[in-house]
Amino acid sequence: MACNPSSSSSKVDRKTIEKNRRIQMKALYSKLHSLVPHDSPRGMVSQPDQLHEATNYIKKLQIKLEKMKEEKENLMRIKKRKGTSLGQQSTPRIDVREMGSSPEAILITGVDFQIMLSETIRVIHEEGFDVINASFSIINDIVVHTIHAQVDILFPSFYFIYKHL
């Protein structure tokens, strides 16, 4: 039997190609193994175990990503809702009601309008009322101020107070 030089050359080429492929795969497995965090420090881990760990890690990351996307969507919905709520309006809402002989002013603002309370009390004093009680409540980004006043001079004008506020 004569040995064909071209067939021995092709066998060597195939062996070299296969050897290079195995070296490349080993390098890829090693890189994959280095990218995956390990639960416990173990010595040598078999390639199937490395692949199993990597697969589990990727699945956990996908679940975590989905949860984060849902949380982002929820936060965006809340932000959008808050943007259209009363606390984000450019002007505060003021209601002045007559409670017997004393007025009650209800000032509804956003957190950014804290100066409005002192201005409202100043106008009430200028119009001849004494502030009996002032309180506030904060609900999310909405601040509700309630001011109870008492007549200091005869026949004050509620309309005039409302106009100045």
Protein backbone atom coordinates (compact mmCIF):
# COMPACT_ATOMS: atom_id res chain seq x y z
CA MET A 1 0.00 0.00 0.00
CA ALA A 2 1.33 3.26 -1.08
CA CYS A 3 0.89 6.20 1.17
CA ASN A 4 -0.66 9.13 -0.60
CA PRO A 5 1.16 12.35 0.38
CA SER A 6 -1.93 14.50 -0.14
CA SER A 7 -4.04 12.36 2.25
CA SER A 8 -1.42 12.52 5.04
CA SER A 9 -1.20 16.26 4.53
CA SER A 10 -4.99 16.59 4.82
CA LYS A 11 -4.95 14.51 8.03
CA VAL A 12 -2.35 16.84 9.53
CA ASP A 13 -4.41 19.88 8.44
CA ARG A 14 -7.55 18.43 10.02
CA LYS A 15 -5.67 17.63 13.23
CA THR A 16 -4.25 21.17 13.35
CA ILE A 17 -7.66 22.71 12.69
CA GLU A 18 -9.24 20.56 15.40
CA LYS A 19 -6.43 21.39 17.84
CA ASN A 20 -6.86 25.13 17.20
CA ARG A 21 -10.62 24.81 17.60
CA ARG A 22 -10.19 23.08 20.96
CA ILE A 23 -7.72 25.71 22.15
CA GLN A 24 -10.14 28.46 21.12
CA MET A 25 -13.07 26.74 22.88
CA LYS A 26 -10.98 26.28 26.02
CA ALA A 27 -10.14 30.00 25.99
CA LEU A 28 -13.83 30.88 25.53
CA TYR A 29 -14.87 28.58 28.41
CA SER A 30 -12.20 30.15 30.58
CA LYS A 31 -13.39 33.67 29.72
CA LEU A 32 -17.03 32.70 30.39
CA HIS A 33 -16.03 31.17 33.73
CA SER A 34 -14.20 34.37 34.73
CA LEU A 35 -17.28 36.53 33.95
CA VAL A 36 -19.71 34.53 36.09
CA PRO A 37 -19.70 35.18 39.85
CA HIS A 38 -19.27 31.99 41.85
CA ASP A 39 -21.39 31.07 44.86
CA SER A 40 -18.66 29.18 46.63
CA PRO A 41 -14.94 29.15 46.00
CA ARG A 42 -14.24 25.74 44.59
CA GLY A 43 -11.14 24.42 42.95
CA MET A 44 -11.48 22.92 39.53
CA VAL A 45 -14.97 23.01 38.07
CA SER A 46 -15.90 20.82 35.14
CA GLN A 47 -16.93 22.48 31.90
CA PRO A 48 -20.52 21.21 32.10
CA ASP A 49 -20.77 22.69 35.62
CA GLN A 50 -19.31 25.97 34.35
CA LEU A 51 -21.91 26.07 31.58
CA HIS A 52 -24.67 25.25 34.06
CA GLU A 53 -23.54 28.07 36.39
CA ALA A 54 -23.36 30.51 33.46
CA THR A 55 -26.82 29.52 32.25
CA ASN A 56 -28.32 29.95 35.72
CA TYR A 57 -26.57 33.31 36.14
CA ILE A 58 -27.91 34.57 32.79
CA LYS A 59 -31.44 33.45 33.71
CA LYS A 60 -31.19 35.30 37.05
CA LEU A 61 -29.99 38.42 35.24
CA GLN A 62 -32.90 38.22 32.80
CA ILE A 63 -35.40 37.95 35.66
CA LYS A 64 -33.71 40.84 37.47
CA LEU A 65 -33.80 42.93 34.28
CA GLU A 66 -37.53 42.27 33.83
CA LYS A 67 -38.23 43.28 37.43
CA MET A 68 -36.21 46.46 36.98
CA LYS A 69 -38.10 47.30 33.78
CA GLU A 70 -41.42 46.83 35.59
CA GLU A 71 -40.22 49.00 38.47
CA LYS A 72 -39.09 51.69 36.03
CA GLU A 73 -42.49 51.64 34.31
CA ASN A 74 -44.26 51.92 37.68
CA LEU A 75 -42.05 54.84 38.70
CA MET A 76 -42.65 56.56 35.36
CA ARG A 77 -46.42 56.14 35.82
CA ILE A 78 -46.19 57.58 39.34
CA LYS A 79 -44.07 60.47 38.08
CA LYS A 80 -46.55 61.15 35.29
CA ARG A 81 -49.46 61.03 37.76
CA LYS A 82 -47.67 63.38 40.15
CA GLY A 83 -46.87 65.71 37.27
CA THR A 84 -50.57 66.16 36.64
CA SER A 85 -51.55 66.27 40.30
CA LEU A 86 -52.35 69.39 42.24
CA GLY A 87 -48.93 69.51 43.87
CA GLN A 88 -47.28 70.21 40.53
CA GLN A 89 -49.62 72.94 39.34
CA SER A 90 -48.09 76.33 38.68
CA THR A 91 -50.64 78.21 40.82
CA PRO A 92 -51.92 77.31 44.27
CA ARG A 93 -55.60 76.98 45.08
CA ILE A 94 -57.10 79.21 47.76
CA ASP A 95 -60.57 78.82 49.29
CA VAL A 96 -61.90 81.36 51.81
CA ARG A 97 -65.06 80.30 53.66
CA GLU A 98 -67.13 82.10 56.22
CA MET A 99 -67.49 80.05 59.40
CA GLY A 100 -69.93 82.12 61.46
CA SER A 101 -68.17 85.36 62.36
CA SER A 102 -64.72 84.07 61.50
CA PRO A 103 -63.24 83.13 58.14
CA GLU A 104 -61.41 79.94 57.32
CA ALA A 105 -58.81 80.06 54.56
CA ILE A 106 -57.67 76.83 52.94
CA LEU A 107 -54.52 77.12 50.88
CA ILE A 108 -53.57 74.10 48.76
CA THR A 109 -50.08 74.25 47.25
CA GLY A 110 -47.19 72.14 46.16
CA VAL A 111 -44.08 71.73 48.28
CA ASP A 112 -42.43 74.52 46.24
CA PHE A 113 -44.95 77.16 47.42
CA GLN A 114 -44.10 77.28 51.15
CA ILE A 115 -43.76 81.08 51.00
CA MET A 116 -47.50 81.32 50.26
CA LEU A 117 -48.45 80.60 53.89
CA SER A 118 -46.63 83.61 55.31
CA GLU A 119 -47.96 85.82 52.52
CA THR A 120 -51.52 84.63 53.19
CA ILE A 121 -51.21 85.31 56.92
CA ARG A 122 -49.80 88.79 56.17
CA VAL A 123 -52.78 89.65 53.92
CA ILE A 124 -55.23 88.34 56.54
CA HIS A 125 -53.63 90.60 59.18
CA GLU A 126 -53.66 93.60 56.83
CA GLU A 127 -57.40 93.14 56.34
CA GLY A 128 -58.14 93.33 60.05
CA PHE A 129 -58.25 89.70 61.13
CA ASP A 130 -56.35 87.93 63.89
CA VAL A 131 -55.08 84.45 63.06
CA ILE A 132 -56.41 82.06 65.69
CA ASN A 133 -55.01 78.82 64.33
CA ALA A 134 -52.87 77.80 61.37
CA SER A 135 -52.12 74.19 60.53
CA PHE A 136 -50.88 72.19 57.59
CA SER A 137 -50.82 68.65 56.27
CA ILE A 138 -48.52 67.15 53.65
CA ILE A 139 -49.86 64.38 51.44
CA ASN A 140 -47.35 63.24 48.81
CA ASP A 141 -46.28 66.55 47.20
CA ILE A 142 -49.44 68.45 48.15
CA VAL A 143 -49.45 70.83 51.11
CA VAL A 144 -52.81 71.82 52.62
CA HIS A 145 -52.71 74.88 54.92
CA THR A 146 -55.79 75.67 57.01
CA ILE A 147 -55.97 79.11 58.61
CA HIS A 148 -58.69 80.09 61.10
CA ALA A 149 -59.04 83.81 61.76
CA GLN A 150 -61.18 86.03 63.96
CA VAL A 151 -62.64 89.46 63.27
CA ASP A 152 -60.46 92.25 64.64
CA ILE A 153 -62.47 95.18 63.22
CA LEU A 154 -66.15 95.46 62.30
CA PHE A 155 -67.44 94.08 58.97
CA PRO A 156 -64.26 92.99 57.18
CA SER A 157 -64.54 92.25 53.51
CA PHE A 158 -64.06 88.55 52.72
CA TYR A 159 -64.00 89.44 49.04
CA PHE A 160 -61.12 91.85 49.61
CA ILE A 161 -59.09 89.15 51.35
CA TYR A 162 -59.79 86.68 48.58
CA LYS A 163 -58.85 89.28 45.94
CA HIS A 164 -55.47 89.94 47.60
CA LEU A 165 -54.62 86.26 47.85
